[in-house]
């Protein structure tokens, strides 16, 4: 059972999400929060597997709340949901430690699948914003975001896998591309995260782009 905390300043939105998630046998809503401070406190007390986080909330916004939850609530992952297609907010949320981003207009079935994927360690970015996110922000790294020295410890195959992860390929797609078993692809990803000291695939995507291993506009089919 995946435990979910819903953080949104609108009661109707929280209620709508709860009704959707309650219909799934593998999802359990363990709490709600109406602002960032309450989200951080609830995450610390309830230990949810996934926090559905609104970006714009009073007192403490979703980005700072995400940063605090990732630092304080061990094991909790954050899936950012917003009605605003704001690229900078998405980028900052990912840098803060969010494991995914979806617009609130996402269909219920896709939302439920996204929560399960994030709980399982996958990274999710809404397809309609990924390209602009990378081209407008990740292509211009912030000061101090140079490639970690550990990148040199990756094998050529691991570098190849990291590049495919950054381009959004799943383990199954990576396995098909490299003609290897899916379990082997999963092992490569796990070793990459360990060697680079990263929490999940979302951080791996940021490192790959900010280090220059992958550049905006790269086509994984080439």
C-alpha atoms as a PDB file:
ATOM      1  CA  UNK A   1       0.000   0.000   0.000  1.00  0.00           C
ATOM      2  CA  UNK A   2       1.358   3.426  -1.021  1.00  0.00           C
ATOM      3  CA  UNK A   3       0.695   6.105   1.611  1.00  0.00           C
ATOM      4  CA  UNK A   4      -0.131   9.549   0.169  1.00  0.00           C
ATOM      5  CA  UNK A   5      -0.234  13.041   1.703  1.00  0.00           C
ATOM      6  CA  UNK A   6      -2.160  15.703  -0.246  1.00  0.00           C
ATOM      7  CA  UNK A   7      -0.880  19.292   0.105  1.00  0.00           C
ATOM      8  CA  UNK A   8      -3.014  21.999  -1.529  1.00  0.00           C
ATOM      9  CA  UNK A   9      -4.489  25.247  -0.206  1.00  0.00           C
ATOM     10  CA  UNK A  10      -7.890  24.574  -1.819  1.00  0.00           C
ATOM     11  CA  UNK A  11     -10.174  22.211   0.102  1.00  0.00           C
ATOM     12  CA  UNK A  12     -12.125  21.300  -3.041  1.00  0.00           C
ATOM     13  CA  UNK A  13      -8.947  20.273  -4.824  1.00  0.00           C
ATOM     14  CA  UNK A  14      -7.808  18.158  -1.877  1.00  0.00           C
ATOM     15  CA  UNK A  15     -11.227  16.525  -1.725  1.00  0.00           C
ATOM     16  CA  UNK A  16     -11.158  15.783  -5.436  1.00  0.00           C
ATOM     17  CA  UNK A  17      -7.754  14.158  -5.243  1.00  0.00           C
ATOM     18  CA  UNK A  18      -8.813  12.127  -2.205  1.00  0.00           C
ATOM     19  CA  UNK A  19     -11.858  10.749  -4.021  1.00  0.00           C
ATOM     20  CA  UNK A  20      -9.716   9.762  -6.993  1.00  0.00           C
ATOM     21  CA  UNK A  21      -7.047   8.054  -4.899  1.00  0.00           C
ATOM     22  CA  UNK A  22      -9.518   6.314  -2.589  1.00  0.00           C
ATOM     23  CA  UNK A  23     -10.780   4.419  -5.637  1.00  0.00           C
ATOM     24  CA  UNK A  24      -7.398   2.707  -6.102  1.00  0.00           C
ATOM     25  CA  UNK A  25      -6.778  -0.423  -3.994  1.00  0.00           C
ATOM     26  CA  UNK A  26      -3.020   0.247  -3.721  1.00  0.00           C
ATOM     27  CA  UNK A  27      -3.271   3.890  -2.602  1.00  0.00           C
ATOM     28  CA  UNK A  28      -4.108   5.218   0.854  1.00  0.00           C
ATOM     29  CA  UNK A  29      -4.540   8.931   1.646  1.00  0.00           C
ATOM     30  CA  UNK A  30      -3.054   9.331   5.131  1.00  0.00           C
ATOM     31  CA  UNK A  31      -3.482  13.085   5.488  1.00  0.00           C
ATOM     32  CA  UNK A  32      -4.087  16.522   4.000  1.00  0.00           C
ATOM     33  CA  UNK A  33      -2.274  19.852   4.347  1.00  0.00           C
ATOM     34  CA  UNK A  34      -3.476  23.326   3.378  1.00  0.00           C
ATOM     35  CA  UNK A  35      -0.104  25.095   3.329  1.00  0.00           C
ATOM     36  CA  UNK A  36       3.603  24.373   3.130  1.00  0.00           C
ATOM     37  CA  UNK A  37       4.260  24.441   6.860  1.00  0.00           C
ATOM     38  CA  UNK A  38       1.490  21.930   7.506  1.00  0.00           C
ATOM     39  CA  UNK A  39       2.781  19.753   4.665  1.00  0.00           C
ATOM     40  CA  UNK A  40       6.256  19.602   6.204  1.00  0.00           C
ATOM     41  CA  UNK A  41       4.879  18.830   9.657  1.00  0.00           C
ATOM     42  CA  UNK A  42       2.480  16.175   8.365  1.00  0.00           C
ATOM     43  CA  UNK A  43       5.174  14.507   6.277  1.00  0.00           C
ATOM     44  CA  UNK A  44       7.417  14.307   9.328  1.00  0.00           C
ATOM     45  CA  UNK A  45       4.645  12.810  11.475  1.00  0.00           C
ATOM     46  CA  UNK A  46       2.833  10.583   8.970  1.00  0.00           C
ATOM     47  CA  UNK A  47       5.783   9.290   6.891  1.00  0.00           C
ATOM     48  CA  UNK A  48       3.919   9.180   3.551  1.00  0.00           C
ATOM     49  CA  UNK A  49       5.516   7.422   0.601  1.00  0.00           C
ATOM     50  CA  UNK A  50       4.421  10.215  -1.753  1.00  0.00           C
ATOM     51  CA  UNK A  51       3.421  13.829  -1.133  1.00  0.00           C
ATOM     52  CA  UNK A  52       1.203  15.457  -3.773  1.00  0.00           C
ATOM     53  CA  UNK A  53       2.482  19.033  -3.572  1.00  0.00           C
ATOM     54  CA  UNK A  54       0.889  22.194  -4.934  1.00  0.00           C
ATOM     55  CA  UNK A  55       3.480  24.807  -5.973  1.00  0.00           C
ATOM     56  CA  UNK A  56       1.563  27.925  -4.889  1.00  0.00           C
ATOM     57  CA  UNK A  57       0.488  27.792  -1.245  1.00  0.00           C
ATOM     58  CA  UNK A  58       0.324  30.383   1.550  1.00  0.00           C
ATOM     59  CA  UNK A  59       2.916  30.839   4.321  1.00  0.00           C
ATOM     60  CA  UNK A  60       5.378  28.415   2.726  1.00  0.00           C
ATOM     61  CA  UNK A  61       5.330  27.605  -0.979  1.00  0.00           C
ATOM     62  CA  UNK A  62       5.537  24.124  -2.421  1.00  0.00           C
ATOM     63  CA  UNK A  63       9.145  24.478  -3.538  1.00  0.00           C
ATOM     64  CA  UNK A  64      10.512  25.272  -0.069  1.00  0.00           C
ATOM     65  CA  UNK A  65       8.169  22.700   1.473  1.00  0.00           C
ATOM     66  CA  UNK A  66       9.568  20.123  -0.949  1.00  0.00           C
ATOM     67  CA  UNK A  67      13.122  21.014   0.034  1.00  0.00           C
ATOM     68  CA  UNK A  68      12.328  20.575   3.738  1.00  0.00           C
ATOM     69  CA  UNK A  69      10.401  17.337   3.289  1.00  0.00           C
ATOM     70  CA  UNK A  70      13.187  15.751   1.257  1.00  0.00           C
ATOM     71  CA  UNK A  71      15.678  16.766   3.956  1.00  0.00           C
ATOM     72  CA  UNK A  72      13.574  15.840   6.997  1.00  0.00           C
ATOM     73  CA  UNK A  73      11.088  13.125   6.047  1.00  0.00           C
ATOM     74  CA  UNK A  74      13.220  10.140   5.159  1.00  0.00           C
ATOM     75  CA  UNK A  75      11.660   7.969   2.468  1.00  0.00           C
ATOM     76  CA  UNK A  76       9.012  10.482   1.387  1.00  0.00           C
ATOM     77  CA  UNK A  77       9.013  11.469  -2.292  1.00  0.00           C
ATOM     78  CA  UNK A  78       7.332  14.570  -3.682  1.00  0.00           C
ATOM     79  CA  UNK A  79       5.167  14.720  -6.801  1.00  0.00           C
ATOM     80  CA  UNK A  80       4.469  18.344  -7.730  1.00  0.00           C
ATOM     81  CA  UNK A  81       1.040  19.206  -9.149  1.00  0.00           C
ATOM     82  CA  UNK A  82       0.037  22.645 -10.397  1.00  0.00           C
ATOM     83  CA  UNK A  83      -2.487  24.367 -12.654  1.00  0.00           C
ATOM     84  CA  UNK A  84       0.255  26.671 -13.893  1.00  0.00           C
ATOM     85  CA  UNK A  85       2.561  25.673 -16.723  1.00  0.00           C
ATOM     86  CA  UNK A  86       5.456  27.551 -15.093  1.00  0.00           C
ATOM     87  CA  UNK A  87       8.767  26.207 -16.284  1.00  0.00           C
ATOM     88  CA  UNK A  88      10.879  27.960 -13.660  1.00  0.00           C
ATOM     89  CA  UNK A  89       8.717  26.568 -10.865  1.00  0.00           C
ATOM     90  CA  UNK A  90       9.141  23.072 -12.275  1.00  0.00           C
ATOM     91  CA  UNK A  91      12.908  23.470 -12.493  1.00  0.00           C
ATOM     92  CA  UNK A  92      13.177  24.870  -8.963  1.00  0.00           C
ATOM     93  CA  UNK A  93      10.952  22.094  -7.625  1.00  0.00           C
ATOM     94  CA  UNK A  94      13.181  19.479  -9.235  1.00  0.00           C
ATOM     95  CA  UNK A  95      16.273  21.141  -7.800  1.00  0.00           C
ATOM     96  CA  UNK A  96      14.554  21.150  -4.407  1.00  0.00           C
ATOM     97  CA  UNK A  97      14.225  17.380  -4.632  1.00  0.00           C
ATOM     98  CA  UNK A  98      10.850  16.692  -6.250  1.00  0.00           C
ATOM     99  CA  UNK A  99      10.643  13.324  -7.978  1.00  0.00           C
ATOM    100  CA  UNK A 100       8.133  14.408 -10.566  1.00  0.00           C
ATOM    101  CA  UNK A 101       5.834  17.043 -12.001  1.00  0.00           C
ATOM    102  CA  UNK A 102       2.353  16.861 -13.485  1.00  0.00           C
ATOM    103  CA  UNK A 103      -0.310  19.413 -14.362  1.00  0.00           C
ATOM    104  CA  UNK A 104      -3.519  19.222 -12.324  1.00  0.00           C
ATOM    105  CA  UNK A 105      -5.407  18.595 -15.567  1.00  0.00           C
ATOM    106  CA  UNK A 106      -3.881  15.112 -15.779  1.00  0.00           C
ATOM    107  CA  UNK A 107      -6.495  12.329 -16.141  1.00  0.00           C
ATOM    108  CA  UNK A 108      -7.225  10.399 -12.910  1.00  0.00           C
ATOM    109  CA  UNK A 109      -5.804   7.136 -14.249  1.00  0.00           C
ATOM    110  CA  UNK A 110      -2.532   8.836 -15.172  1.00  0.00           C
ATOM    111  CA  UNK A 111      -2.340  10.523 -11.765  1.00  0.00           C
ATOM    112  CA  UNK A 112      -2.721   7.212  -9.940  1.00  0.00           C
ATOM    113  CA  UNK A 113      -0.109   5.574 -12.156  1.00  0.00           C
ATOM    114  CA  UNK A 114       2.258   8.506 -11.564  1.00  0.00           C
ATOM    115  CA  UNK A 115       1.992   8.159  -7.786  1.00  0.00           C
ATOM    116  CA  UNK A 116       2.807   4.453  -7.998  1.00  0.00           C
ATOM    117  CA  UNK A 117       5.754   5.147 -10.310  1.00  0.00           C
ATOM    118  CA  UNK A 118       7.180   7.863  -8.054  1.00  0.00           C
ATOM    119  CA  UNK A 119       6.774   5.622  -4.997  1.00  0.00           C
ATOM    120  CA  UNK A 120       8.755   2.991  -6.900  1.00  0.00           C
ATOM    121  CA  UNK A 121      11.603   5.444  -7.505  1.00  0.00           C
ATOM    122  CA  UNK A 122      10.842   6.648 -11.017  1.00  0.00           C
ATOM    123  CA  UNK A 123      11.025  10.297 -12.108  1.00  0.00           C
ATOM    124  CA  UNK A 124       8.043  11.891 -13.837  1.00  0.00           C
ATOM    125  CA  UNK A 125       7.950  15.056 -15.894  1.00  0.00           C
ATOM    126  CA  UNK A 126       4.875  16.104 -17.828  1.00  0.00           C
ATOM    127  CA  UNK A 127       5.762  15.644 -21.512  1.00  0.00           C
ATOM    128  CA  UNK A 128       4.337  19.061 -22.425  1.00  0.00           C
ATOM    129  CA  UNK A 129       6.880  20.900 -20.261  1.00  0.00           C
ATOM    130  CA  UNK A 130       9.982  18.695 -20.337  1.00  0.00           C
ATOM    131  CA  UNK A 131      11.499  20.119 -23.524  1.00  0.00           C
ATOM    132  CA  UNK A 132      11.084  23.761 -22.458  1.00  0.00           C
ATOM    133  CA  UNK A 133      12.283  22.973 -18.950  1.00  0.00           C
ATOM    134  CA  UNK A 134      15.545  21.579 -20.252  1.00  0.00           C
ATOM    135  CA  UNK A 135      16.157  24.166 -22.944  1.00  0.00           C
ATOM    136  CA  UNK A 136      15.387  27.229 -20.820  1.00  0.00           C
ATOM    137  CA  UNK A 137      16.879  26.271 -17.478  1.00  0.00           C
ATOM    138  CA  UNK A 138      19.013  23.146 -17.351  1.00  0.00           C
ATOM    139  CA  UNK A 139      21.030  24.334 -20.349  1.00  0.00           C
ATOM    140  CA  UNK A 140      22.128  27.317 -18.246  1.00  0.00           C
ATOM    141  CA  UNK A 141      23.438  25.725 -15.024  1.00  0.00           C
ATOM    142  CA  UNK A 142      23.390  27.710 -11.838  1.00  0.00           C
ATOM    143  CA  UNK A 143      26.752  28.744 -10.327  1.00  0.00           C
ATOM    144  CA  UNK A 144      28.353  25.890  -8.449  1.00  0.00           C
ATOM    145  CA  UNK A 145      26.447  23.170 -10.299  1.00  0.00           C
ATOM    146  CA  UNK A 146      29.479  21.704 -12.060  1.00  0.00           C
ATOM    147  CA  UNK A 147      29.702  17.990 -12.747  1.00  0.00           C
ATOM    148  CA  UNK A 148      30.489  16.016  -9.612  1.00  0.00           C
ATOM    149  CA  UNK A 149      33.940  14.406  -9.646  1.00  0.00           C
ATOM    150  CA  UNK A 150      32.250  11.039  -9.126  1.00  0.00           C
ATOM    151  CA  UNK A 151      31.044  11.205 -12.748  1.00  0.00           C
ATOM    152  CA  UNK A 152      34.504  10.040 -13.776  1.00  0.00           C
ATOM    153  CA  UNK A 153      33.943   6.849 -11.769  1.00  0.00           C
ATOM    154  CA  UNK A 154      31.139   5.711 -14.066  1.00  0.00           C
ATOM    155  CA  UNK A 155      31.955   3.090 -16.660  1.00  0.00           C
ATOM    156  CA  UNK A 156      31.324   3.860 -20.347  1.00  0.00           C
ATOM    157  CA  UNK A 157      28.166   1.730 -20.177  1.00  0.00           C
ATOM    158  CA  UNK A 158      26.951   3.543 -17.060  1.00  0.00           C
ATOM    159  CA  UNK A 159      27.523   6.900 -18.747  1.00  0.00           C
ATOM    160  CA  UNK A 160      25.486   5.647 -21.685  1.00  0.00           C
ATOM    161  CA  UNK A 161      22.684   4.532 -19.374  1.00  0.00           C
ATOM    162  CA  UNK A 162      22.764   7.849 -17.492  1.00  0.00           C
ATOM    163  CA  UNK A 163      22.351   9.684 -20.788  1.00  0.00           C
ATOM    164  CA  UNK A 164      19.312   7.592 -21.653  1.00  0.00           C
ATOM    165  CA  UNK A 165      17.807   8.147 -18.213  1.00  0.00           C
ATOM    166  CA  UNK A 166      18.236  11.893 -18.711  1.00  0.00           C
ATOM    167  CA  UNK A 167      16.377  11.692 -22.020  1.00  0.00           C
ATOM    168  CA  UNK A 168      13.409  10.142 -20.242  1.00  0.00           C
ATOM    169  CA  UNK A 169      13.770   6.466 -21.143  1.00  0.00           C
ATOM    170  CA  UNK A 170      12.412   3.874 -18.728  1.00  0.00           C
ATOM    171  CA  UNK A 171      14.378   0.799 -17.682  1.00  0.00           C
ATOM    172  CA  UNK A 172      12.465  -1.255 -20.245  1.00  0.00           C
ATOM    173  CA  UNK A 173      13.243   1.250 -23.008  1.00  0.00           C
ATOM    174  CA  UNK A 174      16.906   1.399 -21.995  1.00  0.00           C
ATOM    175  CA  UNK A 175      17.083  -2.381 -22.086  1.00  0.00           C
ATOM    176  CA  UNK A 176      15.558  -2.464 -25.569  1.00  0.00           C
ATOM    177  CA  UNK A 177      17.907   0.270 -26.814  1.00  0.00           C
ATOM    178  CA  UNK A 178      21.043  -1.415 -25.483  1.00  0.00           C
ATOM    179  CA  UNK A 179      19.830  -4.978 -26.122  1.00  0.00           C
ATOM    180  CA  UNK A 180      20.216  -6.030 -22.511  1.00  0.00           C
ATOM    181  CA  UNK A 181      17.866  -7.500 -19.899  1.00  0.00           C
ATOM    182  CA  UNK A 182      15.593  -5.062 -18.073  1.00  0.00           C
ATOM    183  CA  UNK A 183      17.029  -6.279 -14.766  1.00  0.00           C
ATOM    184  CA  UNK A 184      20.493  -5.381 -16.056  1.00  0.00           C
ATOM    185  CA  UNK A 185      19.331  -1.893 -16.973  1.00  0.00           C
ATOM    186  CA  UNK A 186      17.832  -1.504 -13.505  1.00  0.00           C
ATOM    187  CA  UNK A 187      21.128  -2.624 -11.955  1.00  0.00           C
ATOM    188  CA  UNK A 188      23.053  -0.061 -14.017  1.00  0.00           C
ATOM    189  CA  UNK A 189      20.719   2.710 -12.845  1.00  0.00           C
ATOM    190  CA  UNK A 190      21.069   1.637  -9.209  1.00  0.00           C
ATOM    191  CA  UNK A 191      24.868   1.643  -9.458  1.00  0.00           C
ATOM    192  CA  UNK A 192      24.834   5.089 -11.066  1.00  0.00           C
ATOM    193  CA  UNK A 193      22.746   6.515  -8.235  1.00  0.00           C
ATOM    194  CA  UNK A 194      25.036   4.924  -5.644  1.00  0.00           C
ATOM    195  CA  UNK A 195      28.261   6.107  -7.249  1.00  0.00           C
ATOM    196  CA  UNK A 196      26.989   9.670  -7.662  1.00  0.00           C
ATOM    197  CA  UNK A 197      25.350   9.766  -4.233  1.00  0.00           C
ATOM    198  CA  UNK A 198      21.961  10.587  -5.743  1.00  0.00           C
ATOM    199  CA  UNK A 199      18.551   9.934  -4.231  1.00  0.00           C
ATOM    200  CA  UNK A 200      16.641   9.053  -7.389  1.00  0.00           C
ATOM    201  CA  UNK A 201      16.366   9.360 -11.171  1.00  0.00           C
ATOM    202  CA  UNK A 202      15.192  12.967 -10.928  1.00  0.00           C
ATOM    203  CA  UNK A 203      18.548  13.999  -9.491  1.00  0.00           C
ATOM    204  CA  UNK A 204      20.293  11.887 -12.122  1.00  0.00           C
ATOM    205  CA  UNK A 205      18.505  13.836 -14.864  1.00  0.00           C
ATOM    206  CA  UNK A 206      19.674  17.145 -13.383  1.00  0.00           C
ATOM    207  CA  UNK A 207      23.277  15.944 -13.078  1.00  0.00           C
ATOM    208  CA  UNK A 208      23.336  14.617 -16.641  1.00  0.00           C
ATOM    209  CA  UNK A 209      22.208  17.923 -18.121  1.00  0.00           C
ATOM    210  CA  UNK A 210      24.104  20.243 -15.802  1.00  0.00           C
ATOM    211  CA  UNK A 211      27.341  18.311 -16.332  1.00  0.00           C
ATOM    212  CA  UNK A 212      27.008  18.525 -20.109  1.00  0.00           C
ATOM    213  CA  UNK A 213      26.743  14.750 -20.540  1.00  0.00           C
ATOM    214  CA  UNK A 214      23.428  15.387 -22.296  1.00  0.00           C
ATOM    215  CA  UNK A 215      22.531  18.615 -24.059  1.00  0.00           C
ATOM    216  CA  UNK A 216      19.115  20.115 -24.851  1.00  0.00           C
ATOM    217  CA  UNK A 217      17.859  18.925 -28.193  1.00  0.00           C
ATOM    218  CA  UNK A 218      19.726  15.618 -28.098  1.00  0.00           C
ATOM    219  CA  UNK A 219      17.665  12.974 -29.862  1.00  0.00           C
ATOM    220  CA  UNK A 220      17.766   9.567 -28.153  1.00  0.00           C
ATOM    221  CA  UNK A 221      16.859   7.898 -31.456  1.00  0.00           C
ATOM    222  CA  UNK A 222      20.045   9.052 -33.120  1.00  0.00           C
END
